């Protein structure tokens, strides 16, 4: 249960950061809806792939290991992108 709560916590934080970055990066109102729709479609596609991987790992190695390993991968990616974003943000200022 704890791993699932961490998953939801970081998923929510990631969605907020992603939405903010997306809205800040779109310069024209003309293409805003198209860009947001494409971004949401790509996000949904990645979610399907990751959940499929989670299902595969759960079947062969157990649900605990599947969630733990994907949580660790998610944390590494999250903090890596956060560091990348912060460095880019400082250089722009």
PDB file of N, CA and C in Angstrom:
ATOM      1  N   UNK A   1       0.826  -1.193   0.000  1.00  0.00           N
ATOM      2  CA  UNK A   1       0.000   0.000   0.000  1.00  0.00           C
ATOM      3  C   UNK A   1       0.869   1.256   0.000  1.00  0.00           C
ATOM      4  N   UNK A   2       1.977   1.213   0.716  1.00  0.00           N
ATOM      5  CA  UNK A   2       2.858   2.376   0.790  1.00  0.00           C
ATOM      6  C   UNK A   2       3.459   2.729  -0.563  1.00  0.00           C
ATOM      7  N   UNK A   3       3.876   1.728  -1.326  1.00  0.00           N
ATOM      8  CA  UNK A   3       4.455   1.977  -2.643  1.00  0.00           C
ATOM      9  C   UNK A   3       3.412   2.605  -3.564  1.00  0.00           C
ATOM     10  N   UNK A   4       2.169   2.147  -3.474  1.00  0.00           N
ATOM     11  CA  UNK A   4       1.109   2.709  -4.309  1.00  0.00           C
ATOM     12  C   UNK A   4       0.840   4.166  -3.942  1.00  0.00           C
ATOM     13  N   UNK A   5       0.911   4.497  -2.660  1.00  0.00           N
ATOM     14  CA  UNK A   5       0.713   5.885  -2.231  1.00  0.00           C
ATOM     15  C   UNK A   5       1.850   6.775  -2.737  1.00  0.00           C
ATOM     16  N   UNK A   6       3.067   6.268  -2.697  1.00  0.00           N
ATOM     17  CA  UNK A   6       4.205   7.012  -3.233  1.00  0.00           C
ATOM     18  C   UNK A   6       4.032   7.208  -4.740  1.00  0.00           C
ATOM     19  N   UNK A   7       3.566   6.159  -5.411  1.00  0.00           N
ATOM     20  CA  UNK A   7       3.299   6.240  -6.850  1.00  0.00           C
ATOM     21  C   UNK A   7       2.297   7.358  -7.148  1.00  0.00           C
ATOM     22  N   UNK A   8       1.222   7.406  -6.400  1.00  0.00           N
ATOM     23  CA  UNK A   8       0.208   8.442  -6.611  1.00  0.00           C
ATOM     24  C   UNK A   8       0.746   9.828  -6.290  1.00  0.00           C
ATOM     25  N   UNK A   9       1.517   9.950  -5.228  1.00  0.00           N
ATOM     26  CA  UNK A   9       2.089  11.228  -4.840  1.00  0.00           C
ATOM     27  C   UNK A   9       2.984  11.785  -5.941  1.00  0.00           C
ATOM     28  N   UNK A  10       3.945  10.992  -6.395  1.00  0.00           N
ATOM     29  CA  UNK A  10       4.863  11.464  -7.413  1.00  0.00           C
ATOM     30  C   UNK A  10       4.193  11.605  -8.774  1.00  0.00           C
ATOM     31  N   UNK A  11       3.203  10.776  -9.053  1.00  0.00           N
ATOM     32  CA  UNK A  11       2.444  10.938 -10.296  1.00  0.00           C
ATOM     33  C   UNK A  11       1.714  12.267 -10.336  1.00  0.00           C
ATOM     34  N   UNK A  12       1.126  12.649  -9.214  1.00  0.00           N
ATOM     35  CA  UNK A  12       0.425  13.931  -9.134  1.00  0.00           C
ATOM     36  C   UNK A  12       1.396  15.099  -9.268  1.00  0.00           C
ATOM     37  N   UNK A  13       2.525  15.024  -8.590  1.00  0.00           N
ATOM     38  CA  UNK A  13       3.532  16.079  -8.696  1.00  0.00           C
ATOM     39  C   UNK A  13       4.036  16.189 -10.132  1.00  0.00           C
ATOM     40  N   UNK A  14       4.280  15.058 -10.759  1.00  0.00           N
ATOM     41  CA  UNK A  14       4.761  15.053 -12.139  1.00  0.00           C
ATOM     42  C   UNK A  14       3.732  15.678 -13.072  1.00  0.00           C
ATOM     43  N   UNK A  15       2.468  15.387 -12.882  1.00  0.00           N
ATOM     44  CA  UNK A  15       1.419  15.966 -13.732  1.00  0.00           C
ATOM     45  C   UNK A  15       1.338  17.475 -13.560  1.00  0.00           C
ATOM     46  N   UNK A  16       1.484  17.962 -12.336  1.00  0.00           N
ATOM     47  CA  UNK A  16       1.452  19.411 -12.107  1.00  0.00           C
ATOM     48  C   UNK A  16       2.631  20.099 -12.773  1.00  0.00           C
ATOM     49  N   UNK A  17       3.823  19.532 -12.615  1.00  0.00           N
ATOM     50  CA  UNK A  17       5.013  20.119 -13.229  1.00  0.00           C
ATOM     51  C   UNK A  17       4.894  20.066 -14.747  1.00  0.00           C
ATOM     52  N   UNK A  18       4.461  18.938 -15.267  1.00  0.00           N
ATOM     53  CA  UNK A  18       4.314  18.781 -16.717  1.00  0.00           C
ATOM     54  C   UNK A  18       3.303  19.778 -17.277  1.00  0.00           C
ATOM     55  N   UNK A  19       2.180  19.928 -16.612  1.00  0.00           N
ATOM     56  CA  UNK A  19       1.161  20.876 -17.072  1.00  0.00           C
ATOM     57  C   UNK A  19       1.656  22.306 -17.046  1.00  0.00           C
ATOM     58  N   UNK A  20       2.376  22.669 -15.999  1.00  0.00           N
ATOM     59  CA  UNK A  20       2.926  24.018 -15.885  1.00  0.00           C
ATOM     60  C   UNK A  20       3.953  24.276 -16.967  1.00  0.00           C
ATOM     61  N   UNK A  21       4.874  23.342 -17.158  1.00  0.00           N
ATOM     62  CA  UNK A  21       5.895  23.517 -18.194  1.00  0.00           C
ATOM     63  C   UNK A  21       5.275  23.602 -19.578  1.00  0.00           C
ATOM     64  N   UNK A  22       4.277  22.781 -19.822  1.00  0.00           N
ATOM     65  CA  UNK A  22       3.625  22.785 -21.126  1.00  0.00           C
ATOM     66  C   UNK A  22       2.937  24.120 -21.384  1.00  0.00           C
ATOM     67  N   UNK A  23       2.206  24.604 -20.402  1.00  0.00           N
ATOM     68  CA  UNK A  23       1.499  25.874 -20.578  1.00  0.00           C
ATOM     69  C   UNK A  23       2.465  27.040 -20.741  1.00  0.00           C
ATOM     70  N   UNK A  24       3.595  27.011 -20.029  1.00  0.00           N
ATOM     71  CA  UNK A  24       4.582  28.081 -20.141  1.00  0.00           C
ATOM     72  C   UNK A  24       5.325  28.042 -21.471  1.00  0.00           C
ATOM     73  N   UNK A  25       5.479  26.868 -22.056  1.00  0.00           N
ATOM     74  CA  UNK A  25       6.256  26.748 -23.287  1.00  0.00           C
ATOM     75  C   UNK A  25       5.453  27.064 -24.539  1.00  0.00           C
ATOM     76  N   UNK A  26       4.134  27.048 -24.465  1.00  0.00           N
ATOM     77  CA  UNK A  26       3.311  27.349 -25.634  1.00  0.00           C
ATOM     78  C   UNK A  26       3.182  28.865 -25.752  1.00  0.00           C
ATOM     79  N   UNK A  27       3.663  29.390 -26.861  1.00  0.00           N
ATOM     80  CA  UNK A  27       3.709  30.847 -27.036  1.00  0.00           C
ATOM     81  C   UNK A  27       2.455  31.405 -27.723  1.00  0.00           C
ATOM     82  N   UNK A  28       1.823  30.623 -28.584  1.00  0.00           N
ATOM     83  CA  UNK A  28       0.657  31.139 -29.316  1.00  0.00           C
ATOM     84  C   UNK A  28      -0.608  30.421 -28.881  1.00  0.00           C
ATOM     85  N   UNK A  29      -1.685  31.154 -28.822  1.00  0.00           N
ATOM     86  CA  UNK A  29      -2.978  30.567 -28.453  1.00  0.00           C
ATOM     87  C   UNK A  29      -3.553  29.732 -29.591  1.00  0.00           C
ATOM     88  N   UNK A  30      -3.127  30.018 -30.827  1.00  0.00           N
ATOM     89  CA  UNK A  30      -3.693  29.348 -31.993  1.00  0.00           C
ATOM     90  C   UNK A  30      -3.487  27.831 -31.946  1.00  0.00           C
ATOM     91  N   UNK A  31      -2.330  27.398 -31.518  1.00  0.00           N
ATOM     92  CA  UNK A  31      -2.025  25.958 -31.532  1.00  0.00           C
ATOM     93  C   UNK A  31      -2.056  25.317 -30.151  1.00  0.00           C
ATOM     94  N   UNK A  32      -2.487  26.042 -29.142  1.00  0.00           N
ATOM     95  CA  UNK A  32      -2.462  25.539 -27.764  1.00  0.00           C
ATOM     96  C   UNK A  32      -3.258  24.236 -27.614  1.00  0.00           C
ATOM     97  N   UNK A  33      -4.474  24.185 -28.120  1.00  0.00           N
ATOM     98  CA  UNK A  33      -5.324  22.991 -27.955  1.00  0.00           C
ATOM     99  C   UNK A  33      -4.711  21.764 -28.627  1.00  0.00           C
ATOM    100  N   UNK A  34      -4.133  21.959 -29.805  1.00  0.00           N
ATOM    101  CA  UNK A  34      -3.513  20.835 -30.515  1.00  0.00           C
ATOM    102  C   UNK A  34      -2.302  20.316 -29.759  1.00  0.00           C
ATOM    103  N   UNK A  35      -1.467  21.206 -29.296  1.00  0.00           N
ATOM    104  CA  UNK A  35      -0.258  20.794 -28.572  1.00  0.00           C
ATOM    105  C   UNK A  35      -0.627  20.063 -27.284  1.00  0.00           C
ATOM    106  N   UNK A  36      -1.594  20.584 -26.534  1.00  0.00           N
ATOM    107  CA  UNK A  36      -2.015  19.941 -25.289  1.00  0.00           C
ATOM    108  C   UNK A  36      -2.626  18.569 -25.584  1.00  0.00           C
ATOM    109  N   UNK A  37      -3.412  18.459 -26.644  1.00  0.00           N
ATOM    110  CA  UNK A  37      -4.020  17.173 -27.001  1.00  0.00           C
ATOM    111  C   UNK A  37      -2.973  16.138 -27.379  1.00  0.00           C
ATOM    112  N   UNK A  38      -1.988  16.540 -28.160  1.00  0.00           N
ATOM    113  CA  UNK A  38      -0.915  15.616 -28.543  1.00  0.00           C
ATOM    114  C   UNK A  38      -0.122  15.189 -27.309  1.00  0.00           C
ATOM    115  N   UNK A  39       0.159  16.130 -26.438  1.00  0.00           N
ATOM    116  CA  UNK A  39       0.895  15.817 -25.211  1.00  0.00           C
ATOM    117  C   UNK A  39       0.113  14.821 -24.350  1.00  0.00           C
ATOM    118  N   UNK A  40      -1.185  15.046 -24.219  1.00  0.00           N
ATOM    119  CA  UNK A  40      -2.014  14.130 -23.433  1.00  0.00           C
ATOM    120  C   UNK A  40      -2.076  12.744 -24.070  1.00  0.00           C
ATOM    121  N   UNK A  41      -2.125  12.672 -25.399  1.00  0.00           N
ATOM    122  CA  UNK A  41      -2.142  11.376 -26.086  1.00  0.00           C
ATOM    123  C   UNK A  41      -0.830  10.630 -25.865  1.00  0.00           C
ATOM    124  N   UNK A  42       0.293  11.340 -25.961  1.00  0.00           N
ATOM    125  CA  UNK A  42       1.591  10.707 -25.713  1.00  0.00           C
ATOM    126  C   UNK A  42       1.706  10.230 -24.267  1.00  0.00           C
ATOM    127  N   UNK A  43       1.210  11.030 -23.340  1.00  0.00           N
ATOM    128  CA  UNK A  43       1.225  10.659 -21.924  1.00  0.00           C
ATOM    129  C   UNK A  43       0.414   9.386 -21.688  1.00  0.00           C
ATOM    130  N   UNK A  44      -0.752   9.317 -22.316  1.00  0.00           N
ATOM    131  CA  UNK A  44      -1.594   8.116 -22.179  1.00  0.00           C
ATOM    132  C   UNK A  44      -0.912   6.896 -22.783  1.00  0.00           C
ATOM    133  N   UNK A  45      -0.244   7.077 -23.919  1.00  0.00           N
ATOM    134  CA  UNK A  45       0.475   5.965 -24.548  1.00  0.00           C
ATOM    135  C   UNK A  45       1.604   5.437 -23.683  1.00  0.00           C
ATOM    136  N   UNK A  46       2.352   6.339 -23.070  1.00  0.00           N
ATOM    137  CA  UNK A  46       3.437   5.925 -22.169  1.00  0.00           C
ATOM    138  C   UNK A  46       2.856   5.200 -20.954  1.00  0.00           C
ATOM    139  N   UNK A  47       1.732   5.686 -20.442  1.00  0.00           N
ATOM    140  CA  UNK A  47       1.095   5.026 -19.299  1.00  0.00           C
ATOM    141  C   UNK A  47       0.691   3.597 -19.645  1.00  0.00           C
ATOM    142  N   UNK A  48       0.156   3.387 -20.836  1.00  0.00           N
ATOM    143  CA  UNK A  48      -0.227   2.042 -21.269  1.00  0.00           C
ATOM    144  C   UNK A  48       1.001   1.137 -21.336  1.00  0.00           C
ATOM    145  N   UNK A  49       2.095   1.658 -21.886  1.00  0.00           N
ATOM    146  CA  UNK A  49       3.315   0.849 -21.983  1.00  0.00           C
ATOM    147  C   UNK A  49       3.869   0.492 -20.606  1.00  0.00           C
ATOM    148  N   UNK A  50       3.915   1.459 -19.706  1.00  0.00           N
ATOM    149  CA  UNK A  50       4.467   1.215 -18.375  1.00  0.00           C
ATOM    150  C   UNK A  50       3.577   0.249 -17.588  1.00  0.00           C
ATOM    151  N   UNK A  51       2.263   0.421 -17.696  1.00  0.00           N
ATOM    152  CA  UNK A  51       1.364  -0.497 -16.996  1.00  0.00           C
ATOM    153  C   UNK A  51       1.441  -1.908 -17.579  1.00  0.00           C
ATOM    154  N   UNK A  52       1.694  -2.023 -18.879  1.00  0.00           N
ATOM    155  CA  UNK A  52       1.904  -3.345 -19.479  1.00  0.00           C
ATOM    156  C   UNK A  52       3.177  -3.984 -18.943  1.00  0.00           C
ATOM    157  N   UNK A  53       4.224  -3.189 -18.832  1.00  0.00           N
ATOM    158  CA  UNK A  53       5.473  -3.685 -18.244  1.00  0.00           C
ATOM    159  C   UNK A  53       5.256  -4.103 -16.800  1.00  0.00           C
ATOM    160  N   UNK A  54       4.482  -3.303 -16.066  1.00  0.00           N
ATOM    161  CA  UNK A  54       4.161  -3.642 -14.680  1.00  0.00           C
ATOM    162  C   UNK A  54       3.418  -4.979 -14.611  1.00  0.00           C
ATOM    163  N   UNK A  55       2.473  -5.184 -15.512  1.00  0.00           N
ATOM    164  CA  UNK A  55       1.747  -6.453 -15.547  1.00  0.00           C
ATOM    165  C   UNK A  55       2.652  -7.633 -15.849  1.00  0.00           C
ATOM    166  N   UNK A  56       3.555  -7.460 -16.795  1.00  0.00           N
ATOM    167  CA  UNK A  56       4.499  -8.516 -17.143  1.00  0.00           C
ATOM    168  C   UNK A  56       5.392  -8.857 -15.947  1.00  0.00           C
ATOM    169  N   UNK A  57       5.962  -7.822 -15.316  1.00  0.00           N
ATOM    170  CA  UNK A  57       6.817  -8.056 -14.153  1.00  0.00           C
ATOM    171  C   UNK A  57       6.037  -8.693 -13.005  1.00  0.00           C
ATOM    172  N   UNK A  58       4.790  -8.289 -12.828  1.00  0.00           N
ATOM    173  CA  UNK A  58       3.958  -8.864 -11.766  1.00  0.00           C
ATOM    174  C   UNK A  58       3.710 -10.345 -12.001  1.00  0.00           C
ATOM    175  N   UNK A  59       3.462 -10.717 -13.250  1.00  0.00           N
ATOM    176  CA  UNK A  59       3.201 -12.126 -13.573  1.00  0.00           C
ATOM    177  C   UNK A  59       4.417 -13.001 -13.334  1.00  0.00           C
ATOM    178  N   UNK A  60       5.591 -12.514 -13.691  1.00  0.00           N
ATOM    179  CA  UNK A  60       6.778 -13.355 -13.641  1.00  0.00           C
ATOM    180  C   UNK A  60       7.616 -13.214 -12.376  1.00  0.00           C
ATOM    181  N   UNK A  61       7.547 -12.057 -11.713  1.00  0.00           N
ATOM    182  CA  UNK A  61       8.409 -11.828 -10.557  1.00  0.00           C
ATOM    183  C   UNK A  61       7.669 -11.439  -9.288  1.00  0.00           C
ATOM    184  N   UNK A  62       6.366 -11.236  -9.375  1.00  0.00           N
ATOM    185  CA  UNK A  62       5.578 -10.863  -8.203  1.00  0.00           C
ATOM    186  C   UNK A  62       5.230  -9.382  -8.217  1.00  0.00           C
ATOM    187  N   UNK A  63       4.094  -9.075  -7.631  1.00  0.00           N
ATOM    188  CA  UNK A  63       3.589  -7.709  -7.677  1.00  0.00           C
ATOM    189  C   UNK A  63       4.439  -6.748  -6.840  1.00  0.00           C
ATOM    190  N   UNK A  64       4.972  -7.247  -5.720  1.00  0.00           N
ATOM    191  CA  UNK A  64       5.802  -6.390  -4.871  1.00  0.00           C
ATOM    192  C   UNK A  64       7.052  -5.923  -5.585  1.00  0.00           C
ATOM    193  N   UNK A  65       7.751  -6.845  -6.215  1.00  0.00           N
ATOM    194  CA  UNK A  65       8.972  -6.502  -6.940  1.00  0.00           C
ATOM    195  C   UNK A  65       8.663  -5.592  -8.125  1.00  0.00           C
ATOM    196  N   UNK A  66       7.556  -5.853  -8.801  1.00  0.00           N
ATOM    197  CA  UNK A  66       7.191  -5.029  -9.958  1.00  0.00           C
ATOM    198  C   UNK A  66       6.973  -3.576  -9.542  1.00  0.00           C
ATOM    199  N   UNK A  67       6.179  -3.356  -8.511  1.00  0.00           N
ATOM    200  CA  UNK A  67       5.903  -1.986  -8.068  1.00  0.00           C
ATOM    201  C   UNK A  67       7.149  -1.325  -7.502  1.00  0.00           C
ATOM    202  N   UNK A  68       7.940  -2.069  -6.744  1.00  0.00           N
ATOM    203  CA  UNK A  68       9.155  -1.488  -6.166  1.00  0.00           C
ATOM    204  C   UNK A  68      10.152  -1.099  -7.243  1.00  0.00           C
ATOM    205  N   UNK A  69      10.372  -1.974  -8.210  1.00  0.00           N
ATOM    206  CA  UNK A  69      11.357  -1.676  -9.250  1.00  0.00           C
ATOM    207  C   UNK A  69      10.899  -0.502 -10.112  1.00  0.00           C
ATOM    208  N   UNK A  70       9.619  -0.464 -10.480  1.00  0.00           N
ATOM    209  CA  UNK A  70       9.138   0.654 -11.288  1.00  0.00           C
ATOM    210  C   UNK A  70       9.065   1.951 -10.479  1.00  0.00           C
ATOM    211  N   UNK A  71       8.842   1.844  -9.172  1.00  0.00           N
ATOM    212  CA  UNK A  71       8.865   3.038  -8.323  1.00  0.00           C
ATOM    213  C   UNK A  71      10.272   3.624  -8.270  1.00  0.00           C
ATOM    214  N   UNK A  72      11.271   2.774  -8.166  1.00  0.00           N
ATOM    215  CA  UNK A  72      12.658   3.238  -8.148  1.00  0.00           C
ATOM    216  C   UNK A  72      13.020   3.889  -9.482  1.00  0.00           C
ATOM    217  N   UNK A  73      12.630   3.248 -10.586  1.00  0.00           N
ATOM    218  CA  UNK A  73      12.881   3.837 -11.908  1.00  0.00           C
ATOM    219  C   UNK A  73      12.191   5.191 -12.017  1.00  0.00           C
ATOM    220  N   UNK A  74      10.957   5.269 -11.552  1.00  0.00           N
ATOM    221  CA  UNK A  74      10.212   6.523 -11.590  1.00  0.00           C
ATOM    222  C   UNK A  74      10.856   7.614 -10.763  1.00  0.00           C
ATOM    223  N   UNK A  75      11.334   7.266  -9.577  1.00  0.00           N
ATOM    224  CA  UNK A  75      12.011   8.251  -8.728  1.00  0.00           C
ATOM    225  C   UNK A  75      13.294   8.764  -9.370  1.00  0.00           C
ATOM    226  N   UNK A  76      14.061   7.860  -9.950  1.00  0.00           N
ATOM    227  CA  UNK A  76      15.305   8.265 -10.617  1.00  0.00           C
ATOM    228  C   UNK A  76      14.990   9.209 -11.777  1.00  0.00           C
ATOM    229  N   UNK A  77      13.998   8.853 -12.586  1.00  0.00           N
ATOM    230  CA  UNK A  77      13.620   9.725 -13.699  1.00  0.00           C
ATOM    231  C   UNK A  77      13.086  11.067 -13.209  1.00  0.00           C
ATOM    232  N   UNK A  78      12.263  11.035 -12.173  1.00  0.00           N
ATOM    233  CA  UNK A  78      11.680  12.256 -11.631  1.00  0.00           C
ATOM    234  C   UNK A  78      12.766  13.209 -11.141  1.00  0.00           C
ATOM    235  N   UNK A  79      13.669  12.716 -10.300  1.00  0.00           N
ATOM    236  CA  UNK A  79      14.711  13.577  -9.767  1.00  0.00           C
ATOM    237  C   UNK A  79      15.708  13.997 -10.844  1.00  0.00           C
ATOM    238  N   UNK A  80      15.972  13.118 -11.807  1.00  0.00           N
ATOM    239  CA  UNK A  80      16.840  13.490 -12.921  1.00  0.00           C
ATOM    240  C   UNK A  80      16.257  14.634 -13.731  1.00  0.00           C
ATOM    241  N   UNK A  81      14.971  14.554 -14.047  1.00  0.00           N
ATOM    242  CA  UNK A  81      14.327  15.633 -14.798  1.00  0.00           C
ATOM    243  C   UNK A  81      14.215  16.904 -13.956  1.00  0.00           C
ATOM    244  N   UNK A  82      13.995  16.763 -12.663  1.00  0.00           N
ATOM    245  CA  UNK A  82      13.918  17.925 -11.783  1.00  0.00           C
ATOM    246  C   UNK A  82      15.253  18.665 -11.753  1.00  0.00           C
ATOM    247  N   UNK A  83      16.337  17.918 -11.638  1.00  0.00           N
ATOM    248  CA  UNK A  83      17.672  18.520 -11.649  1.00  0.00           C
ATOM    249  C   UNK A  83      17.942  19.165 -13.007  1.00  0.00           C
ATOM    250  N   UNK A  84      17.597  18.482 -14.078  1.00  0.00           N
ATOM    251  CA  UNK A  84      17.785  19.020 -15.421  1.00  0.00           C
ATOM    252  C   UNK A  84      17.006  20.316 -15.589  1.00  0.00           C
ATOM    253  N   UNK A  85      15.768  20.341 -15.124  1.00  0.00           N
ATOM    254  CA  UNK A  85      14.923  21.535 -15.232  1.00  0.00           C
ATOM    255  C   UNK A  85      15.484  22.680 -14.407  1.00  0.00           C
ATOM    256  N   UNK A  86      15.913  22.389 -13.190  1.00  0.00           N
ATOM    257  CA  UNK A  86      16.446  23.441 -12.317  1.00  0.00           C
ATOM    258  C   UNK A  86      17.724  24.041 -12.907  1.00  0.00           C
ATOM    259  N   UNK A  87      18.581  23.231 -13.473  1.00  0.00           N
ATOM    260  CA  UNK A  87      19.808  23.745 -14.083  1.00  0.00           C
ATOM    261  C   UNK A  87      19.485  24.611 -15.298  1.00  0.00           C
ATOM    262  N   UNK A  88      18.545  24.178 -16.106  1.00  0.00           N
ATOM    263  CA  UNK A  88      18.145  24.958 -17.274  1.00  0.00           C
ATOM    264  C   UNK A  88      17.487  26.261 -16.881  1.00  0.00           C
ATOM    265  N   UNK A  89      16.726  26.244 -15.810  1.00  0.00           N
ATOM    266  CA  UNK A  89      16.030  27.424 -15.323  1.00  0.00           C
ATOM    267  C   UNK A  89      17.019  28.457 -14.797  1.00  0.00           C
ATOM    268  N   UNK A  90      18.083  27.995 -14.126  1.00  0.00           N
ATOM    269  CA  UNK A  90      19.080  28.902 -13.585  1.00  0.00           C
ATOM    270  C   UNK A  90      19.869  29.551 -14.727  1.00  0.00           C
ATOM    271  N   UNK A  91      20.181  28.797 -15.770  1.00  0.00           N
ATOM    272  CA  UNK A  91      20.950  29.330 -16.891  1.00  0.00           C
ATOM    273  C   UNK A  91      20.155  30.403 -17.635  1.00  0.00           C
ATOM    274  N   UNK A  92      18.833  30.280 -17.679  1.00  0.00           N
ATOM    275  CA  UNK A  92      18.010  31.244 -18.397  1.00  0.00           C
ATOM    276  C   UNK A  92      17.919  32.572 -17.646  1.00  0.00           C
ATOM    277  N   UNK A  93      18.014  32.539 -16.327  1.00  0.00           N
ATOM    278  CA  UNK A  93      17.827  33.758 -15.514  1.00  0.00           C
ATOM    279  C   UNK A  93      18.971  34.721 -15.628  1.00  0.00           C
TER     280      UNK A  93
END
